[in-house]
N, C-alpha and C. Protein backbone atom coordinates (compact mmCIF):
# COMPACT_ATOMS: atom_id res chain seq x y z
N UNK A 1 -39.87 41.37 35.71
CA UNK A 1 -40.18 40.01 36.15
C UNK A 1 -41.53 39.58 35.60
N UNK A 2 -41.59 38.45 34.92
CA UNK A 2 -42.87 38.01 34.35
C UNK A 2 -43.76 37.32 35.38
N UNK A 3 -45.00 37.12 35.01
CA UNK A 3 -45.92 36.36 35.85
C UNK A 3 -45.53 34.89 35.85
N UNK A 4 -46.10 34.13 36.79
CA UNK A 4 -45.87 32.69 36.79
C UNK A 4 -46.49 32.07 35.54
N UNK A 5 -47.62 32.63 35.11
CA UNK A 5 -48.27 32.13 33.89
C UNK A 5 -47.34 32.25 32.69
N UNK A 6 -46.63 33.36 32.61
CA UNK A 6 -45.71 33.58 31.47
C UNK A 6 -44.52 32.63 31.57
N UNK A 7 -44.02 32.40 32.77
CA UNK A 7 -42.92 31.45 32.96
C UNK A 7 -43.35 30.04 32.58
N UNK A 8 -44.56 29.68 32.97
CA UNK A 8 -45.08 28.34 32.65
C UNK A 8 -45.22 28.15 31.14
N UNK A 9 -45.55 29.22 30.43
CA UNK A 9 -45.71 29.11 28.98
C UNK A 9 -44.42 28.67 28.32
N UNK A 10 -43.29 29.18 28.78
CA UNK A 10 -42.01 28.79 28.20
C UNK A 10 -41.81 27.28 28.31
N UNK A 11 -42.19 26.71 29.44
CA UNK A 11 -42.07 25.25 29.61
C UNK A 11 -43.00 24.52 28.65
N UNK A 12 -44.20 25.04 28.48
CA UNK A 12 -45.16 24.41 27.58
C UNK A 12 -44.68 24.45 26.13
N UNK A 13 -44.00 25.51 25.77
CA UNK A 13 -43.55 25.64 24.38
C UNK A 13 -42.47 24.63 24.03
N UNK A 14 -41.87 23.99 25.03
CA UNK A 14 -40.92 22.92 24.74
C UNK A 14 -41.60 21.77 23.99
N UNK A 15 -42.90 21.58 24.23
CA UNK A 15 -43.64 20.55 23.50
C UNK A 15 -43.62 20.83 22.01
N UNK A 16 -43.78 22.09 21.66
CA UNK A 16 -43.78 22.48 20.25
C UNK A 16 -42.39 22.26 19.65
N UNK A 17 -41.36 22.59 20.41
CA UNK A 17 -40.00 22.37 19.93
C UNK A 17 -39.75 20.88 19.64
N UNK A 18 -40.32 20.02 20.47
CA UNK A 18 -40.16 18.58 20.23
C UNK A 18 -40.81 18.17 18.91
N UNK A 19 -41.98 18.73 18.61
CA UNK A 19 -42.63 18.42 17.34
C UNK A 19 -41.82 18.95 16.15
N UNK A 20 -41.26 20.15 16.31
CA UNK A 20 -40.43 20.70 15.23
C UNK A 20 -39.19 19.85 15.02
N UNK A 21 -38.61 19.34 16.11
CA UNK A 21 -37.45 18.46 15.99
C UNK A 21 -37.84 17.15 15.31
N UNK A 22 -39.03 16.66 15.61
CA UNK A 22 -39.51 15.44 14.95
C UNK A 22 -39.67 15.67 13.45
N UNK A 23 -40.18 16.86 13.11
CA UNK A 23 -40.32 17.25 11.70
C UNK A 23 -38.97 17.14 11.00
N UNK A 24 -37.93 17.72 11.62
CA UNK A 24 -36.59 17.71 11.04
C UNK A 24 -36.05 16.28 10.93
N UNK A 25 -36.24 15.49 11.99
CA UNK A 25 -35.70 14.13 12.01
C UNK A 25 -36.34 13.26 10.93
N UNK A 26 -37.66 13.38 10.78
CA UNK A 26 -38.35 12.58 9.77
C UNK A 26 -37.87 12.94 8.37
N UNK A 27 -37.73 14.23 8.11
CA UNK A 27 -37.30 14.67 6.79
C UNK A 27 -35.87 14.23 6.51
N UNK A 28 -35.00 14.33 7.51
CA UNK A 28 -33.62 13.87 7.33
C UNK A 28 -33.59 12.38 7.01
N UNK A 29 -34.38 11.61 7.74
CA UNK A 29 -34.40 10.18 7.53
C UNK A 29 -34.88 9.84 6.11
N UNK A 30 -35.92 10.53 5.67
CA UNK A 30 -36.44 10.28 4.32
C UNK A 30 -35.39 10.61 3.26
N UNK A 31 -34.67 11.72 3.48
CA UNK A 31 -33.63 12.11 2.53
C UNK A 31 -32.49 11.08 2.51
N UNK A 32 -32.12 10.60 3.70
CA UNK A 32 -31.05 9.61 3.79
C UNK A 32 -31.47 8.29 3.15
N UNK A 33 -32.71 7.90 3.36
CA UNK A 33 -33.22 6.67 2.76
C UNK A 33 -33.19 6.76 1.23
N UNK A 34 -33.60 7.91 0.70
CA UNK A 34 -33.58 8.10 -0.75
C UNK A 34 -32.15 8.04 -1.28
N UNK A 35 -31.21 8.65 -0.52
CA UNK A 35 -29.81 8.63 -0.94
C UNK A 35 -29.25 7.21 -0.93
N UNK A 36 -29.65 6.43 0.09
CA UNK A 36 -29.16 5.05 0.20
C UNK A 36 -29.66 4.20 -0.96
N UNK A 37 -30.86 4.46 -1.40
CA UNK A 37 -31.43 3.68 -2.50
C UNK A 37 -30.73 3.96 -3.83
N UNK A 38 -30.05 5.11 -3.88
CA UNK A 38 -29.34 5.47 -5.11
C UNK A 38 -27.88 5.02 -5.11
N UNK A 39 -27.42 4.38 -4.02
CA UNK A 39 -26.01 4.02 -3.90
C UNK A 39 -25.63 2.95 -4.92
N UNK A 40 -24.42 3.05 -5.50
CA UNK A 40 -23.91 1.97 -6.35
C UNK A 40 -23.48 0.80 -5.49
N UNK A 41 -23.22 -0.32 -6.12
CA UNK A 41 -22.88 -1.52 -5.37
C UNK A 41 -21.63 -1.40 -4.53
N UNK A 42 -20.68 -0.53 -4.92
CA UNK A 42 -19.42 -0.43 -4.17
C UNK A 42 -19.48 0.58 -3.03
N UNK A 43 -20.62 1.20 -2.82
CA UNK A 43 -20.82 2.14 -1.71
C UNK A 43 -19.86 3.33 -1.76
N UNK A 44 -19.35 3.69 -2.94
CA UNK A 44 -18.41 4.82 -3.01
C UNK A 44 -19.09 6.15 -2.71
N UNK A 45 -20.42 6.19 -2.79
CA UNK A 45 -21.13 7.44 -2.51
C UNK A 45 -21.90 7.36 -1.18
N UNK A 46 -21.42 6.53 -0.28
CA UNK A 46 -22.09 6.37 1.01
C UNK A 46 -22.13 7.67 1.78
N UNK A 47 -21.19 8.57 1.52
CA UNK A 47 -21.16 9.86 2.22
C UNK A 47 -22.45 10.63 2.01
N UNK A 48 -23.12 10.40 0.89
CA UNK A 48 -24.37 11.10 0.61
C UNK A 48 -25.43 10.77 1.66
N UNK A 49 -25.43 9.53 2.13
CA UNK A 49 -26.40 9.12 3.15
C UNK A 49 -26.14 9.87 4.45
N UNK A 50 -24.88 9.90 4.87
CA UNK A 50 -24.54 10.57 6.11
C UNK A 50 -24.76 12.08 6.01
N UNK A 51 -24.50 12.64 4.85
CA UNK A 51 -24.76 14.07 4.66
C UNK A 51 -26.24 14.38 4.83
N UNK A 52 -27.07 13.51 4.29
CA UNK A 52 -28.52 13.72 4.42
C UNK A 52 -28.98 13.64 5.86
N UNK A 53 -28.28 12.84 6.67
CA UNK A 53 -28.68 12.66 8.07
C UNK A 53 -28.29 13.84 8.94
N UNK A 54 -27.30 14.62 8.54
CA UNK A 54 -26.82 15.71 9.39
C UNK A 54 -27.10 17.09 8.82
N UNK A 55 -27.64 17.18 7.62
CA UNK A 55 -27.88 18.47 6.97
C UNK A 55 -29.32 18.93 7.23
N UNK A 56 -29.48 20.22 7.50
CA UNK A 56 -30.82 20.78 7.66
C UNK A 56 -31.62 20.49 6.40
N UNK A 57 -32.73 19.76 6.53
CA UNK A 57 -33.45 19.33 5.33
C UNK A 57 -34.33 20.39 4.70
N UNK A 58 -34.55 21.51 5.41
CA UNK A 58 -35.47 22.50 4.88
C UNK A 58 -36.90 21.99 4.95
N UNK A 59 -37.72 22.33 3.99
CA UNK A 59 -39.12 21.94 4.00
C UNK A 59 -39.27 20.46 3.63
N UNK A 60 -40.09 19.75 4.38
CA UNK A 60 -40.38 18.37 4.07
C UNK A 60 -41.54 18.25 3.11
N UNK A 61 -41.72 17.06 2.56
CA UNK A 61 -42.86 16.82 1.71
C UNK A 61 -44.12 16.75 2.56
N UNK A 62 -45.22 17.31 2.10
CA UNK A 62 -46.44 17.35 2.90
C UNK A 62 -46.85 16.00 3.47
N UNK A 63 -46.75 14.92 2.68
CA UNK A 63 -47.20 13.62 3.16
C UNK A 63 -46.37 13.12 4.32
N UNK A 64 -45.13 13.62 4.46
CA UNK A 64 -44.25 13.17 5.53
C UNK A 64 -44.47 13.93 6.84
N UNK A 65 -44.77 15.20 6.75
CA UNK A 65 -44.75 16.03 7.96
C UNK A 65 -46.00 16.89 8.14
N UNK A 66 -46.98 16.76 7.25
CA UNK A 66 -48.16 17.62 7.34
C UNK A 66 -48.89 17.43 8.66
N UNK A 67 -49.04 16.20 9.10
CA UNK A 67 -49.75 15.94 10.35
C UNK A 67 -49.00 16.54 11.54
N UNK A 68 -47.67 16.48 11.51
CA UNK A 68 -46.87 17.07 12.58
C UNK A 68 -47.06 18.58 12.61
N UNK A 69 -47.06 19.20 11.45
CA UNK A 69 -47.24 20.65 11.39
C UNK A 69 -48.61 21.05 11.94
N UNK A 70 -49.64 20.32 11.56
CA UNK A 70 -50.98 20.64 12.05
C UNK A 70 -51.07 20.44 13.56
N UNK A 71 -50.47 19.36 14.04
CA UNK A 71 -50.48 19.09 15.48
C UNK A 71 -49.76 20.20 16.25
N UNK A 72 -48.63 20.65 15.72
CA UNK A 72 -47.88 21.72 16.38
C UNK A 72 -48.66 23.02 16.38
N UNK A 73 -49.38 23.29 15.30
CA UNK A 73 -50.17 24.52 15.20
C UNK A 73 -51.29 24.52 16.24
N UNK A 74 -52.01 23.40 16.32
CA UNK A 74 -53.10 23.30 17.30
C UNK A 74 -52.56 23.37 18.71
N UNK A 75 -51.43 22.72 18.95
CA UNK A 75 -50.82 22.74 20.29
C UNK A 75 -50.42 24.16 20.69
N UNK A 76 -49.89 24.92 19.75
CA UNK A 76 -49.51 26.30 20.04
C UNK A 76 -50.71 27.14 20.47
N UNK A 77 -51.82 27.01 19.75
CA UNK A 77 -53.00 27.79 20.11
C UNK A 77 -53.58 27.32 21.44
N UNK A 78 -53.44 26.03 21.74
CA UNK A 78 -53.89 25.52 23.03
C UNK A 78 -53.05 26.08 24.16
N UNK A 79 -51.74 26.14 23.94
CA UNK A 79 -50.85 26.71 24.96
C UNK A 79 -51.11 28.21 25.14
N UNK A 80 -51.46 28.89 24.07
CA UNK A 80 -51.83 30.30 24.19
C UNK A 80 -53.07 30.45 25.05
N UNK A 81 -54.07 29.62 24.80
CA UNK A 81 -55.28 29.66 25.61
C UNK A 81 -54.97 29.34 27.07
N UNK A 82 -54.11 28.35 27.29
CA UNK A 82 -53.72 28.00 28.65
C UNK A 82 -53.04 29.15 29.36
N UNK A 83 -52.19 29.88 28.63
CA UNK A 83 -51.52 31.04 29.22
C UNK A 83 -52.52 32.12 29.63
N UNK A 84 -53.46 32.43 28.74
CA UNK A 84 -54.46 33.46 29.05
C UNK A 84 -55.27 33.05 30.28
N UNK A 85 -55.69 31.78 30.33
CA UNK A 85 -56.46 31.29 31.48
C UNK A 85 -55.64 31.37 32.77
N UNK A 86 -54.38 30.96 32.68
CA UNK A 86 -53.51 31.00 33.87
C UNK A 86 -53.27 32.42 34.34
N UNK A 87 -53.08 33.33 33.38
CA UNK A 87 -52.84 34.74 33.73
C UNK A 87 -54.07 35.33 34.41
N UNK A 88 -55.24 35.03 33.88
CA UNK A 88 -56.48 35.51 34.48
C UNK A 88 -56.62 34.98 35.91
N UNK A 89 -56.33 33.72 36.10
CA UNK A 89 -56.44 33.13 37.44
C UNK A 89 -55.43 33.75 38.40
N UNK A 90 -54.19 33.94 37.91
CA UNK A 90 -53.13 34.46 38.76
C UNK A 90 -53.46 35.86 39.27
N UNK A 91 -53.85 36.75 38.35
CA UNK A 91 -54.15 38.11 38.78
C UNK A 91 -55.51 38.16 39.48
N UNK A 92 -56.42 37.28 39.08
CA UNK A 92 -57.74 37.25 39.71
C UNK A 92 -57.68 36.90 41.18
N UNK A 93 -56.84 35.95 41.53
CA UNK A 93 -56.71 35.57 42.94
C UNK A 93 -56.14 36.72 43.77
N UNK A 94 -55.27 37.49 43.16
CA UNK A 94 -54.71 38.65 43.88
C UNK A 94 -55.78 39.72 44.09
N UNK A 95 -56.64 39.91 43.10
CA UNK A 95 -57.67 40.94 43.19
C UNK A 95 -58.79 40.52 44.14
N UNK A 96 -59.24 39.29 44.00
CA UNK A 96 -60.32 38.80 44.87
C UNK A 96 -59.84 38.68 46.31
N UNK A 97 -58.61 38.18 46.46
CA UNK A 97 -58.02 38.07 47.79
C UNK A 97 -58.90 37.33 48.77
N UNK A 98 -59.07 37.92 49.93
CA UNK A 98 -59.86 37.29 50.98
C UNK A 98 -61.29 37.80 51.01
N UNK A 99 -61.70 38.49 49.96
CA UNK A 99 -63.07 39.01 49.93
C UNK A 99 -64.10 37.91 49.68
N UNK A 100 -63.64 36.77 49.20
CA UNK A 100 -64.55 35.66 48.92
C UNK A 100 -64.20 34.46 49.79
N UNK A 101 -65.21 33.69 50.13
CA UNK A 101 -64.98 32.49 50.92
C UNK A 101 -64.13 31.50 50.14
N UNK A 102 -64.40 31.39 48.84
CA UNK A 102 -63.64 30.49 47.97
C UNK A 102 -63.15 31.28 46.76
N UNK A 103 -62.00 31.95 46.89
CA UNK A 103 -61.49 32.79 45.79
C UNK A 103 -61.32 32.02 44.49
N UNK A 104 -60.85 30.78 44.56
CA UNK A 104 -60.65 29.99 43.35
C UNK A 104 -61.94 29.80 42.58
N UNK A 105 -63.02 29.53 43.31
CA UNK A 105 -64.32 29.32 42.66
C UNK A 105 -64.81 30.61 42.01
N UNK A 106 -64.58 31.73 42.68
CA UNK A 106 -65.02 33.01 42.12
C UNK A 106 -64.26 33.33 40.85
N UNK A 107 -62.93 33.17 40.88
CA UNK A 107 -62.11 33.48 39.70
C UNK A 107 -62.47 32.54 38.55
N UNK A 108 -62.71 31.28 38.86
CA UNK A 108 -63.10 30.33 37.82
C UNK A 108 -64.43 30.73 37.18
N UNK A 109 -65.37 31.19 38.00
CA UNK A 109 -66.67 31.63 37.49
C UNK A 109 -66.51 32.82 36.54
N UNK A 110 -65.53 33.67 36.82
CA UNK A 110 -65.30 34.86 36.01
C UNK A 110 -64.41 34.59 34.80
N UNK A 111 -63.95 33.36 34.66
CA UNK A 111 -62.96 33.04 33.64
C UNK A 111 -63.54 32.70 32.29
N UNK A 112 -62.79 31.91 31.53
CA UNK A 112 -63.03 31.69 30.12
C UNK A 112 -64.16 30.73 29.81
N UNK A 113 -64.34 29.70 30.62
CA UNK A 113 -65.36 28.67 30.36
C UNK A 113 -65.17 27.98 29.01
N UNK A 114 -63.91 27.71 28.68
CA UNK A 114 -63.53 26.89 27.52
C UNK A 114 -63.72 27.57 26.17
N UNK A 115 -63.99 28.83 26.11
CA UNK A 115 -64.10 29.52 24.83
C UNK A 115 -62.71 29.78 24.27
N UNK A 116 -62.59 29.79 22.94
CA UNK A 116 -61.32 30.18 22.34
C UNK A 116 -61.00 31.62 22.73
N UNK A 117 -59.72 31.92 22.98
CA UNK A 117 -59.34 33.25 23.47
C UNK A 117 -59.33 34.32 22.38
N UNK A 118 -60.50 34.56 21.78
CA UNK A 118 -60.61 35.64 20.79
C UNK A 118 -60.48 36.99 21.50
N UNK A 119 -60.35 38.04 20.72
CA UNK A 119 -60.15 39.38 21.26
C UNK A 119 -61.22 39.75 22.26
N UNK A 120 -62.48 39.56 21.90
CA UNK A 120 -63.57 39.95 22.80
C UNK A 120 -63.62 39.06 24.05
N UNK A 121 -63.23 37.81 23.92
CA UNK A 121 -63.23 36.90 25.06
C UNK A 121 -62.18 37.33 26.08
N UNK A 122 -60.99 37.65 25.60
CA UNK A 122 -59.92 38.10 26.51
C UNK A 122 -60.32 39.40 27.20
N UNK A 123 -60.89 40.34 26.45
CA UNK A 123 -61.34 41.60 27.05
C UNK A 123 -62.37 41.35 28.15
N UNK A 124 -63.33 40.47 27.88
CA UNK A 124 -64.38 40.18 28.87
C UNK A 124 -63.82 39.50 30.11
N UNK A 125 -62.88 38.58 29.90
CA UNK A 125 -62.28 37.87 31.03
C UNK A 125 -61.66 38.85 32.03
N UNK A 126 -60.83 39.75 31.52
CA UNK A 126 -60.13 40.66 32.42
C UNK A 126 -61.02 41.81 32.87
N UNK A 127 -62.01 42.17 32.06
CA UNK A 127 -62.98 43.18 32.50
C UNK A 127 -63.75 42.68 33.72
N UNK A 128 -63.96 41.36 33.81
CA UNK A 128 -64.66 40.80 34.97
C UNK A 128 -63.87 41.02 36.26
N UNK A 129 -62.59 41.33 36.13
CA UNK A 129 -61.74 41.61 37.29
C UNK A 129 -61.52 43.10 37.48
N UNK A 130 -62.17 43.91 36.64
CA UNK A 130 -61.98 45.36 36.72
C UNK A 130 -60.77 45.85 35.97
N UNK A 131 -60.27 45.04 35.03
CA UNK A 131 -59.13 45.42 34.19
C UNK A 131 -59.66 45.53 32.77
N UNK A 132 -59.74 46.74 32.25
CA UNK A 132 -60.50 46.98 31.03
C UNK A 132 -59.64 47.23 29.78
N UNK A 133 -60.22 46.84 28.64
CA UNK A 133 -59.66 47.17 27.31
C UNK A 133 -58.22 46.72 27.14
N UNK A 134 -57.89 45.54 27.65
CA UNK A 134 -56.49 45.10 27.59
C UNK A 134 -56.03 44.83 26.16
N UNK A 135 -56.94 44.41 25.30
CA UNK A 135 -56.53 44.06 23.93
C UNK A 135 -56.29 45.28 23.05
N UNK A 136 -56.74 46.45 23.50
CA UNK A 136 -56.59 47.65 22.68
C UNK A 136 -55.20 48.26 22.73
N UNK A 137 -54.35 47.76 23.63
CA UNK A 137 -53.02 48.35 23.80
C UNK A 137 -51.89 47.44 23.33
N UNK A 138 -52.20 46.23 22.93
CA UNK A 138 -51.14 45.27 22.61
C UNK A 138 -50.54 45.53 21.24
N UNK A 139 -49.24 45.72 21.20
CA UNK A 139 -48.50 45.87 19.94
C UNK A 139 -47.02 45.71 20.26
N UNK A 140 -46.24 45.50 19.22
CA UNK A 140 -44.80 45.45 19.37
C UNK A 140 -44.18 45.82 18.03
N UNK A 141 -42.89 45.81 17.97
CA UNK A 141 -42.19 46.28 16.77
C UNK A 141 -42.68 45.53 15.53
N UNK A 142 -43.04 46.28 14.52
CA UNK A 142 -43.53 45.74 13.24
C UNK A 142 -44.84 44.98 13.36
N UNK A 143 -45.57 45.22 14.44
CA UNK A 143 -46.87 44.56 14.61
C UNK A 143 -47.82 45.52 15.34
N UNK A 144 -48.67 46.19 14.57
CA UNK A 144 -49.61 47.14 15.15
C UNK A 144 -50.69 46.42 15.93
N UNK A 145 -51.46 47.19 16.68
CA UNK A 145 -52.55 46.59 17.44
C UNK A 145 -53.56 45.91 16.53
N UNK A 146 -53.86 46.55 15.40
CA UNK A 146 -54.80 45.95 14.46
C UNK A 146 -54.26 44.63 13.92
N UNK A 147 -52.96 44.58 13.67
CA UNK A 147 -52.35 43.35 13.17
C UNK A 147 -52.35 42.26 14.23
N UNK A 148 -52.11 42.64 15.49
CA UNK A 148 -52.16 41.66 16.59
C UNK A 148 -53.52 41.00 16.63
N UNK A 149 -54.57 41.81 16.59
CA UNK A 149 -55.93 41.26 16.66
C UNK A 149 -56.24 40.37 15.46
N UNK A 150 -55.81 40.81 14.29
CA UNK A 150 -56.07 40.05 13.07
C UNK A 150 -55.33 38.71 13.10
N UNK A 151 -54.09 38.71 13.52
CA UNK A 151 -53.30 37.47 13.55
C UNK A 151 -53.84 36.50 14.60
N UNK A 152 -54.29 37.03 15.73
CA UNK A 152 -54.90 36.17 16.75
C UNK A 152 -56.15 35.51 16.20
N UNK A 153 -57.00 36.31 15.56
CA UNK A 153 -58.24 35.78 15.00
C UNK A 153 -57.97 34.72 13.94
N UNK A 154 -57.02 34.99 13.06
CA UNK A 154 -56.68 34.04 11.99
C UNK A 154 -56.16 32.73 12.57
N UNK A 155 -55.29 32.82 13.58
CA UNK A 155 -54.74 31.62 14.20
C UNK A 155 -55.83 30.76 14.83
N UNK A 156 -56.76 31.39 15.52
CA UNK A 156 -57.83 30.65 16.18
C UNK A 156 -58.81 30.06 15.18
N UNK A 157 -59.08 30.79 14.11
CA UNK A 157 -59.96 30.25 13.07
C UNK A 157 -59.32 29.05 12.38
N UNK A 158 -58.01 29.12 12.14
CA UNK A 158 -57.30 28.00 11.54
C UNK A 158 -57.30 26.80 12.48
N UNK A 159 -57.09 27.06 13.75
CA UNK A 159 -57.13 25.99 14.75
C UNK A 159 -58.48 25.27 14.71
N UNK A 160 -59.56 26.02 14.66
CA UNK A 160 -60.90 25.42 14.65
C UNK A 160 -61.13 24.57 13.41
N UNK A 161 -60.64 25.05 12.27
CA UNK A 161 -60.79 24.28 11.03
C UNK A 161 -60.06 22.94 11.15
N UNK A 162 -58.84 22.96 11.68
CA UNK A 162 -58.08 21.73 11.84
C UNK A 162 -58.77 20.80 12.83
N UNK A 163 -59.22 21.36 13.95
CA UNK A 163 -59.86 20.56 14.99
C UNK A 163 -61.15 19.91 14.51
N UNK A 164 -61.79 20.51 13.51
CA UNK A 164 -63.05 19.97 13.00
C UNK A 164 -62.86 19.19 11.69
N UNK A 165 -61.62 18.77 11.45
CA UNK A 165 -61.38 17.85 10.35
C UNK A 165 -60.95 18.44 9.04
N UNK A 166 -60.84 19.76 8.93
CA UNK A 166 -60.38 20.37 7.69
C UNK A 166 -58.88 20.14 7.54
N UNK A 167 -58.43 19.71 6.38
CA UNK A 167 -57.01 19.46 6.15
C UNK A 167 -56.33 20.75 5.69
N UNK A 168 -56.18 21.66 6.61
CA UNK A 168 -55.52 22.93 6.31
C UNK A 168 -54.05 22.69 5.98
N UNK A 169 -53.55 23.42 5.01
CA UNK A 169 -52.13 23.30 4.62
C UNK A 169 -51.29 24.11 5.60
N UNK A 170 -50.57 23.43 6.47
CA UNK A 170 -49.72 24.09 7.46
C UNK A 170 -48.28 23.67 7.21
N UNK A 171 -47.40 24.65 7.04
CA UNK A 171 -45.98 24.36 6.83
C UNK A 171 -45.21 24.58 8.14
N UNK A 172 -43.98 24.11 8.13
CA UNK A 172 -43.12 24.33 9.28
C UNK A 172 -42.93 25.83 9.52
N UNK A 173 -42.83 26.59 8.43
CA UNK A 173 -42.68 28.04 8.56
C UNK A 173 -43.89 28.66 9.25
N UNK A 174 -45.09 28.16 8.94
CA UNK A 174 -46.31 28.64 9.61
C UNK A 174 -46.23 28.41 11.11
N UNK A 175 -45.74 27.24 11.49
CA UNK A 175 -45.63 26.90 12.91
C UNK A 175 -44.62 27.81 13.61
N UNK A 176 -43.47 28.01 12.97
CA UNK A 176 -42.44 28.87 13.57
C UNK A 176 -42.94 30.30 13.70
N UNK A 177 -43.65 30.78 12.68
CA UNK A 177 -44.20 32.14 12.75
C UNK A 177 -45.24 32.26 13.87
N UNK A 178 -46.08 31.25 14.01
CA UNK A 178 -47.09 31.29 15.06
C UNK A 178 -46.44 31.23 16.44
N UNK A 179 -45.41 30.43 16.58
CA UNK A 179 -44.71 30.37 17.86
C UNK A 179 -44.15 31.74 18.23
N UNK A 180 -43.54 32.42 17.26
CA UNK A 180 -43.03 33.77 17.53
C UNK A 180 -44.13 34.71 17.93
N UNK A 181 -45.29 34.61 17.26
CA UNK A 181 -46.42 35.46 17.62
C UNK A 181 -46.90 35.17 19.03
N UNK A 182 -47.01 33.90 19.38
CA UNK A 182 -47.47 33.52 20.73
C UNK A 182 -46.54 34.11 21.79
N UNK A 183 -45.25 34.03 21.57
CA UNK A 183 -44.28 34.56 22.54
C UNK A 183 -44.43 36.07 22.68
N UNK A 184 -44.50 36.79 21.57
CA UNK A 184 -44.66 38.25 21.62
C UNK A 184 -46.00 38.64 22.26
N UNK A 185 -47.04 37.92 21.88
CA UNK A 185 -48.37 38.21 22.42
C UNK A 185 -48.38 38.01 23.94
N UNK A 186 -47.80 36.91 24.40
CA UNK A 186 -47.77 36.62 25.83
C UNK A 186 -46.98 37.68 26.59
N UNK A 187 -45.85 38.10 26.03
CA UNK A 187 -45.05 39.15 26.68
C UNK A 187 -45.85 40.45 26.78
N UNK A 188 -46.53 40.82 25.70
CA UNK A 188 -47.28 42.07 25.68
C UNK A 188 -48.48 42.03 26.63
N UNK A 189 -49.22 40.91 26.62
CA UNK A 189 -50.38 40.80 27.50
C UNK A 189 -49.94 40.75 28.96
N UNK A 190 -48.87 40.05 29.24
CA UNK A 190 -48.34 39.96 30.60
C UNK A 190 -47.99 41.35 31.14
N UNK A 191 -47.32 42.15 30.31
CA UNK A 191 -46.93 43.50 30.73
C UNK A 191 -48.15 44.40 30.90
N UNK A 192 -49.13 44.24 30.00
CA UNK A 192 -50.33 45.07 30.07
C UNK A 192 -51.14 44.76 31.32
N UNK A 193 -51.29 43.51 31.65
CA UNK A 193 -52.03 43.12 32.85
C UNK A 193 -51.28 43.56 34.11
N UNK A 194 -49.98 43.45 34.08
CA UNK A 194 -49.17 43.90 35.23
C UNK A 194 -49.40 45.38 35.48
N UNK A 195 -49.35 46.17 34.41
CA UNK A 195 -49.50 47.62 34.55
C UNK A 195 -50.92 48.01 34.99
N UNK A 196 -51.93 47.40 34.36
CA UNK A 196 -53.31 47.81 34.62
C UNK A 196 -53.87 47.27 35.94
N UNK A 197 -53.29 46.20 36.44
CA UNK A 197 -53.83 45.61 37.67
C UNK A 197 -53.29 46.27 38.94
N UNK A 198 -52.26 47.10 38.80
CA UNK A 198 -51.66 47.69 40.00
C UNK A 198 -52.65 48.55 40.77
N UNK A 199 -53.51 49.26 40.06
CA UNK A 199 -54.50 50.11 40.74
C UNK A 199 -55.50 49.27 41.53
N UNK A 200 -55.78 48.06 41.04
CA UNK A 200 -56.73 47.20 41.72
C UNK A 200 -56.10 46.50 42.93
N UNK A 201 -54.81 46.18 42.82
CA UNK A 201 -54.14 45.43 43.86
C UNK A 201 -53.43 46.33 44.86
N UNK A 202 -52.97 47.49 44.38
CA UNK A 202 -52.23 48.40 45.25
C UNK A 202 -50.73 48.21 45.17
N UNK A 203 -50.30 47.33 44.30
CA UNK A 203 -48.87 47.06 44.11
C UNK A 203 -48.71 46.31 42.80
N UNK A 204 -47.47 46.15 42.38
CA UNK A 204 -47.22 45.34 41.18
C UNK A 204 -47.54 43.89 41.49
N UNK A 205 -48.26 43.20 40.62
CA UNK A 205 -48.65 41.82 40.91
C UNK A 205 -47.50 40.82 40.81
N UNK A 206 -46.48 41.13 40.03
CA UNK A 206 -45.31 40.27 39.91
C UNK A 206 -44.10 41.08 39.48
């Protein structure tokens, strides 16, 4: 059973799917428009227009979909940060419990404070709750721990470049790959926090 933070992430990722669908729709429309402009006067090749509207267009031209790809990339990293923050709050409230007059305020004080969720930031966040070295154990099939850390760092650095006006070349494939990474990363971190927090809570947190 996943945490509520992990469940919420799935809902947030629907936003990214909408952007990917928009990418496909725009490219299909452009292809159909081009096909329509090539039609002879008798419309004998009108089927080409309809084919363009229903066929997977593959990669779009950068000028048509580049902004959508960049937006989806930044949104994915934002949702990843939101997941990490939510997970920290969820397990933090269980650990702090009734020991504080205002548990929410205490957990917020121990949280991220708007920093990008780099490897050291995530480690510090959960270490503040007595859950240590969480980033050193994350891996999955065909993705070693070193690769996990490297891919996270690269994604966040790319996000910052885009957010500060750099026109990074982002393709639809980049977005799909990052989405897959976010899902695997969230699953791995969720499981790691569940396992490591049991000693602090006295039971499985979720």
